[in-house]
């Protein structure tokens, strides 16, 4: 069973932007696409540990601000030729609010 945590109203995350959420497991970055989809990743690039929440969102990918690695929202995988993976968390919009699953 998932332990869902309410993050904020959807409109508090800008389109093509993100928000950091501090959890017992560490920082999680919650992203909003241009189509109002939400995704959540551990806020740590698998390359050098940069904050993904500070990256640029395009489609369903975030580009890390430190070294331009691209990380896919749906599976956390780095886009080739880079290799690595950021932990993903289930995310949803319900009742106008953003929720993430912590387990």
N, C-alpha and C. Protein backbone atom coordinates (compact mmCIF):
# COMPACT_ATOMS: atom_id res chain seq x y z
N UNK A 1 0.84 -1.18 0.00
CA UNK A 1 0.00 0.00 0.00
C UNK A 1 0.89 1.25 0.00
N UNK A 2 0.53 2.23 -0.81
CA UNK A 2 1.29 3.46 -0.89
C UNK A 2 0.93 4.41 0.24
N UNK A 3 1.94 5.09 0.75
CA UNK A 3 1.77 6.12 1.76
C UNK A 3 1.77 7.46 1.03
N UNK A 4 0.60 7.98 0.71
CA UNK A 4 0.49 9.19 -0.09
C UNK A 4 0.66 10.43 0.77
N UNK A 5 1.42 11.40 0.25
CA UNK A 5 1.66 12.67 0.93
C UNK A 5 1.17 13.79 0.03
N UNK A 6 0.34 14.66 0.60
CA UNK A 6 -0.14 15.82 -0.15
C UNK A 6 0.99 16.84 -0.22
N UNK A 7 1.29 17.32 -1.43
CA UNK A 7 2.39 18.25 -1.64
C UNK A 7 1.91 19.69 -1.62
N UNK A 8 0.97 20.02 -2.50
CA UNK A 8 0.48 21.39 -2.64
C UNK A 8 -0.61 21.42 -3.71
N UNK A 9 -1.31 22.54 -3.85
CA UNK A 9 -2.22 22.67 -4.99
C UNK A 9 -1.41 22.66 -6.30
N UNK A 10 -1.96 22.09 -7.35
CA UNK A 10 -1.26 21.99 -8.63
C UNK A 10 -0.75 23.35 -9.09
N UNK A 11 -1.57 24.40 -8.93
CA UNK A 11 -1.18 25.72 -9.44
C UNK A 11 0.03 26.32 -8.73
N UNK A 12 0.45 25.73 -7.61
CA UNK A 12 1.66 26.23 -6.94
C UNK A 12 2.95 25.74 -7.58
N UNK A 13 2.84 24.78 -8.49
CA UNK A 13 4.01 24.33 -9.25
C UNK A 13 3.86 24.92 -10.65
N UNK A 14 4.77 25.77 -11.08
CA UNK A 14 4.62 26.37 -12.41
C UNK A 14 4.73 25.31 -13.51
N UNK A 15 4.02 25.53 -14.62
CA UNK A 15 4.19 24.64 -15.77
C UNK A 15 5.66 24.67 -16.17
N UNK A 16 6.19 23.50 -16.49
CA UNK A 16 7.61 23.31 -16.83
C UNK A 16 8.51 23.69 -15.65
N UNK A 17 7.98 23.52 -14.44
CA UNK A 17 8.74 23.84 -13.24
C UNK A 17 8.72 22.70 -12.24
N UNK A 18 9.19 22.99 -11.05
CA UNK A 18 9.28 21.95 -10.03
C UNK A 18 9.12 22.54 -8.63
N UNK A 19 9.05 21.63 -7.69
CA UNK A 19 8.98 21.99 -6.27
C UNK A 19 9.72 20.91 -5.49
N UNK A 20 10.46 21.31 -4.48
CA UNK A 20 11.16 20.36 -3.62
C UNK A 20 10.25 19.98 -2.45
N UNK A 21 10.31 18.70 -2.09
CA UNK A 21 9.56 18.21 -0.94
C UNK A 21 10.55 17.48 -0.03
N UNK A 22 10.61 17.92 1.21
CA UNK A 22 11.49 17.29 2.19
C UNK A 22 10.74 16.14 2.84
N UNK A 23 11.28 14.93 2.75
CA UNK A 23 10.66 13.75 3.35
C UNK A 23 11.68 13.04 4.23
N UNK A 24 11.21 12.06 4.97
CA UNK A 24 12.12 11.26 5.78
C UNK A 24 13.14 10.52 4.92
N UNK A 25 12.79 10.27 3.66
CA UNK A 25 13.68 9.58 2.72
C UNK A 25 14.65 10.53 2.03
N UNK A 26 14.52 11.83 2.26
CA UNK A 26 15.36 12.82 1.59
C UNK A 26 14.52 13.73 0.71
N UNK A 27 15.19 14.55 -0.05
CA UNK A 27 14.50 15.52 -0.90
C UNK A 27 13.95 14.84 -2.16
N UNK A 28 12.72 15.19 -2.48
CA UNK A 28 12.06 14.70 -3.70
C UNK A 28 11.70 15.93 -4.53
N UNK A 29 11.96 15.85 -5.82
CA UNK A 29 11.58 16.92 -6.75
C UNK A 29 10.28 16.51 -7.44
N UNK A 30 9.30 17.39 -7.41
CA UNK A 30 8.01 17.15 -8.06
C UNK A 30 7.94 18.11 -9.25
N UNK A 31 7.72 17.55 -10.43
CA UNK A 31 7.73 18.32 -11.67
C UNK A 31 6.34 18.40 -12.28
N UNK A 32 6.08 19.50 -12.97
CA UNK A 32 4.82 19.70 -13.71
C UNK A 32 5.16 19.96 -15.16
N UNK A 33 4.56 19.19 -16.05
CA UNK A 33 4.80 19.37 -17.48
C UNK A 33 3.87 20.45 -18.04
N UNK A 34 4.07 20.77 -19.30
CA UNK A 34 3.22 21.75 -19.98
C UNK A 34 1.78 21.27 -20.06
N UNK A 35 1.58 19.95 -20.03
CA UNK A 35 0.24 19.35 -20.10
C UNK A 35 -0.33 19.04 -18.72
N UNK A 36 0.25 19.61 -17.67
CA UNK A 36 -0.20 19.45 -16.29
C UNK A 36 -0.06 18.04 -15.74
N UNK A 37 0.82 17.23 -16.33
CA UNK A 37 1.15 15.94 -15.72
C UNK A 37 2.17 16.21 -14.62
N UNK A 38 2.16 15.39 -13.59
CA UNK A 38 3.13 15.53 -12.51
C UNK A 38 3.96 14.26 -12.37
N UNK A 39 5.22 14.45 -12.06
CA UNK A 39 6.16 13.36 -11.87
C UNK A 39 7.04 13.68 -10.68
N UNK A 40 7.56 12.65 -10.02
CA UNK A 40 8.42 12.86 -8.86
C UNK A 40 9.66 11.99 -8.97
N UNK A 41 10.80 12.61 -8.70
CA UNK A 41 12.09 11.94 -8.72
C UNK A 41 12.87 12.32 -7.46
N UNK A 42 13.76 11.44 -7.04
CA UNK A 42 14.69 11.81 -5.98
C UNK A 42 15.44 13.03 -6.49
N UNK A 43 15.58 14.06 -5.69
CA UNK A 43 16.16 15.32 -6.13
C UNK A 43 17.68 15.25 -6.15
N UNK A 44 18.19 14.25 -6.89
CA UNK A 44 19.64 14.06 -6.95
C UNK A 44 19.98 13.40 -8.28
N UNK A 45 20.70 14.12 -9.12
CA UNK A 45 21.11 13.57 -10.41
C UNK A 45 22.04 12.38 -10.18
N UNK A 46 21.87 11.29 -10.95
CA UNK A 46 22.73 10.12 -10.76
C UNK A 46 24.18 10.37 -11.21
N UNK A 47 24.44 11.47 -11.89
CA UNK A 47 25.79 11.76 -12.37
C UNK A 47 26.68 12.30 -11.26
N UNK A 48 26.39 13.50 -10.78
CA UNK A 48 27.23 14.12 -9.75
C UNK A 48 26.42 14.63 -8.56
N UNK A 49 25.14 14.23 -8.49
CA UNK A 49 24.33 14.58 -7.33
C UNK A 49 23.69 15.96 -7.36
N UNK A 50 23.68 16.61 -8.53
CA UNK A 50 23.05 17.92 -8.64
C UNK A 50 21.56 17.85 -8.35
N UNK A 51 20.99 18.96 -7.91
CA UNK A 51 19.56 19.03 -7.60
C UNK A 51 18.76 19.06 -8.91
N UNK A 52 18.04 17.99 -9.19
CA UNK A 52 17.22 17.95 -10.42
C UNK A 52 16.13 19.00 -10.41
N UNK A 53 15.68 19.40 -9.21
CA UNK A 53 14.64 20.42 -9.11
C UNK A 53 15.08 21.76 -9.69
N UNK A 54 16.36 21.95 -9.87
CA UNK A 54 16.88 23.19 -10.44
C UNK A 54 17.09 23.08 -11.94
N UNK A 55 16.73 21.93 -12.52
CA UNK A 55 16.93 21.71 -13.94
C UNK A 55 15.81 22.28 -14.79
N UNK A 56 15.97 22.13 -16.10
CA UNK A 56 15.00 22.63 -17.07
C UNK A 56 14.11 21.47 -17.55
N UNK A 57 12.80 21.69 -17.49
CA UNK A 57 11.83 20.68 -17.91
C UNK A 57 11.49 20.88 -19.38
N UNK A 58 11.50 19.79 -20.13
CA UNK A 58 11.10 19.80 -21.54
C UNK A 58 10.42 18.47 -21.83
N UNK A 59 9.15 18.52 -22.20
CA UNK A 59 8.41 17.27 -22.42
C UNK A 59 8.35 16.50 -21.12
N UNK A 60 8.83 15.25 -21.15
CA UNK A 60 8.84 14.40 -19.96
C UNK A 60 10.26 14.10 -19.51
N UNK A 61 11.11 15.14 -19.61
CA UNK A 61 12.53 15.02 -19.27
C UNK A 61 12.95 16.27 -18.50
N UNK A 62 13.87 16.09 -17.55
CA UNK A 62 14.49 17.24 -16.90
C UNK A 62 15.98 17.20 -17.23
N UNK A 63 16.54 18.36 -17.55
CA UNK A 63 17.96 18.48 -17.83
C UNK A 63 18.64 19.05 -16.59
N UNK A 64 19.55 18.29 -16.03
CA UNK A 64 20.25 18.70 -14.82
C UNK A 64 21.02 19.99 -15.08
N UNK A 65 20.92 20.92 -14.16
CA UNK A 65 21.57 22.22 -14.31
C UNK A 65 23.10 22.12 -14.19
N UNK A 66 23.62 21.07 -13.56
CA UNK A 66 25.07 20.98 -13.34
C UNK A 66 25.84 20.59 -14.60
N UNK A 67 25.43 19.50 -15.23
CA UNK A 67 26.21 18.97 -16.36
C UNK A 67 25.34 18.53 -17.54
N UNK A 68 24.09 19.00 -17.56
CA UNK A 68 23.18 18.80 -18.69
C UNK A 68 22.78 17.35 -18.96
N UNK A 69 22.86 16.50 -17.94
CA UNK A 69 22.31 15.16 -18.12
C UNK A 69 20.80 15.26 -18.21
N UNK A 70 20.20 14.48 -19.08
CA UNK A 70 18.75 14.45 -19.23
C UNK A 70 18.20 13.20 -18.53
N UNK A 71 17.23 13.41 -17.64
CA UNK A 71 16.63 12.31 -16.87
C UNK A 71 15.15 12.22 -17.23
N UNK A 72 14.72 11.02 -17.62
CA UNK A 72 13.33 10.80 -18.01
C UNK A 72 12.44 10.69 -16.77
N UNK A 73 11.29 11.37 -16.81
CA UNK A 73 10.38 11.35 -15.67
C UNK A 73 9.76 9.97 -15.43
N UNK A 74 9.38 9.30 -16.49
CA UNK A 74 8.58 8.08 -16.34
C UNK A 74 9.34 6.92 -15.72
N UNK A 75 10.67 6.85 -15.95
CA UNK A 75 11.42 5.73 -15.39
C UNK A 75 12.69 6.14 -14.63
N UNK A 76 13.01 7.44 -14.63
CA UNK A 76 14.18 7.93 -13.92
C UNK A 76 15.49 7.69 -14.64
N UNK A 77 15.46 7.05 -15.81
CA UNK A 77 16.67 6.70 -16.54
C UNK A 77 17.28 7.91 -17.23
N UNK A 78 18.61 7.95 -17.26
CA UNK A 78 19.33 8.97 -18.02
C UNK A 78 19.16 8.66 -19.51
N UNK A 79 19.09 9.71 -20.31
CA UNK A 79 18.97 9.56 -21.76
C UNK A 79 20.36 9.24 -22.32
N UNK A 80 20.44 8.23 -23.21
CA UNK A 80 21.71 7.81 -23.82
C UNK A 80 22.36 8.99 -24.52
N UNK A 81 23.66 9.07 -24.49
CA UNK A 81 24.61 8.02 -24.12
C UNK A 81 24.89 7.93 -22.63
N UNK A 82 24.32 8.85 -21.83
CA UNK A 82 24.56 8.80 -20.39
C UNK A 82 23.87 7.60 -19.77
N UNK A 83 24.41 7.13 -18.65
CA UNK A 83 23.85 5.97 -17.96
C UNK A 83 23.70 6.29 -16.49
N UNK A 84 22.58 5.89 -15.93
CA UNK A 84 22.30 6.11 -14.53
C UNK A 84 20.81 6.23 -14.34
N UNK A 85 20.38 6.26 -13.09
CA UNK A 85 18.95 6.29 -12.81
C UNK A 85 18.68 7.04 -11.52
N UNK A 86 17.65 7.87 -11.55
CA UNK A 86 17.16 8.55 -10.35
C UNK A 86 15.92 7.80 -9.87
N UNK A 87 15.77 7.65 -8.58
CA UNK A 87 14.59 6.96 -8.03
C UNK A 87 13.33 7.73 -8.39
N UNK A 88 12.32 6.99 -8.82
CA UNK A 88 11.03 7.59 -9.16
C UNK A 88 10.03 7.34 -8.03
N UNK A 89 9.06 8.22 -7.93
CA UNK A 89 7.96 8.09 -6.97
C UNK A 89 6.67 8.29 -7.74
N UNK A 90 5.64 7.53 -7.39
CA UNK A 90 4.34 7.73 -8.01
C UNK A 90 3.83 9.12 -7.64
N UNK A 91 3.20 9.79 -8.59
CA UNK A 91 2.64 11.12 -8.36
C UNK A 91 1.30 11.22 -9.06
N UNK A 92 0.41 12.02 -8.50
CA UNK A 92 -0.91 12.18 -9.10
C UNK A 92 -1.48 13.54 -8.72
N UNK A 93 -2.48 13.95 -9.50
CA UNK A 93 -3.26 15.14 -9.16
C UNK A 93 -4.64 14.64 -8.82
N UNK A 94 -5.11 14.99 -7.63
CA UNK A 94 -6.44 14.57 -7.17
C UNK A 94 -7.07 15.73 -6.42
N UNK A 95 -8.26 16.10 -6.84
CA UNK A 95 -8.96 17.20 -6.18
C UNK A 95 -8.20 18.51 -6.30
N UNK A 96 -7.44 18.68 -7.39
CA UNK A 96 -6.68 19.91 -7.60
C UNK A 96 -5.37 19.98 -6.84
N UNK A 97 -5.04 18.92 -6.09
CA UNK A 97 -3.80 18.89 -5.31
C UNK A 97 -2.85 17.84 -5.87
N UNK A 98 -1.56 18.07 -5.67
CA UNK A 98 -0.51 17.13 -6.07
C UNK A 98 -0.20 16.23 -4.90
N UNK A 99 -0.12 14.93 -5.17
CA UNK A 99 0.21 13.91 -4.17
C UNK A 99 1.38 13.08 -4.67
N UNK A 100 2.25 12.62 -3.75
CA UNK A 100 3.31 11.68 -4.09
C UNK A 100 3.23 10.49 -3.14
N UNK A 101 3.61 9.34 -3.68
CA UNK A 101 3.64 8.11 -2.88
C UNK A 101 5.04 7.92 -2.34
N UNK A 102 5.15 7.79 -1.03
CA UNK A 102 6.46 7.66 -0.41
C UNK A 102 6.92 6.22 -0.27
N UNK A 103 6.05 5.26 -0.54
CA UNK A 103 6.46 3.85 -0.45
C UNK A 103 5.95 3.06 -1.62
